[in-house]
């Protein structure tokens, strides 16, 4: 098998998801940091391979894969155990809906490029930008809390794609001092997941470049 290379940024939620998935699958990889604050993701050589200029990008099996959920879907199809998405179509759709509540509804409007645009082009003060960030987390978490199981993980006894999406978003919620006491199931699930080695090794503090 050829070397697996993950182009990522330690605080990128999307990269965090892929790190968790790779760890859960027990797949060794080499990380290539792309510092978003320094614009490393906008360099010509990277854009040639990844026209959106986002992270993560996973170089695997002779391909450059982009978009975190697409990458995880590929990993799950090629390396089925442990399964991150159910095989039953209805259960798979439910898991995707829970994952997308984070990946499609919370994360995109709080992405670094959106926050920079609010502050720089639209002239918003940092307090207003932070309020924006917290607003969309609270709105998304309110819905996700209603979807969450009363016991166990989103994946039951083992993490699934929804669990993988939850943990990075909870990390960001705490970074931006978002009140999360109103989401007891999400807090409980996040705490349980962060006891798992694959999640601990993917944490930004564990992969932050020196």
Foldseek 3Di string as FASTA:
>chain_A
DDAKEKEEALLDLLSLLQLLLCVQLVHDHHYDYQDVVVPSLVDPVNCVQVVVSDDIWMCPPNHTDDDRVVVSVVVCVVRVPPPQADPPPVRNVLLVVLLCLQVVQQDPCLDPVNLCCCCPVVPDDPVVSLVSNLVSLVVSLVVSLVSADPDAASVRPDHHSSLSSLQSSVVVCVVSVHDDPVRVRSVVNNVVVCVDPSSVCSHSVNPPDD
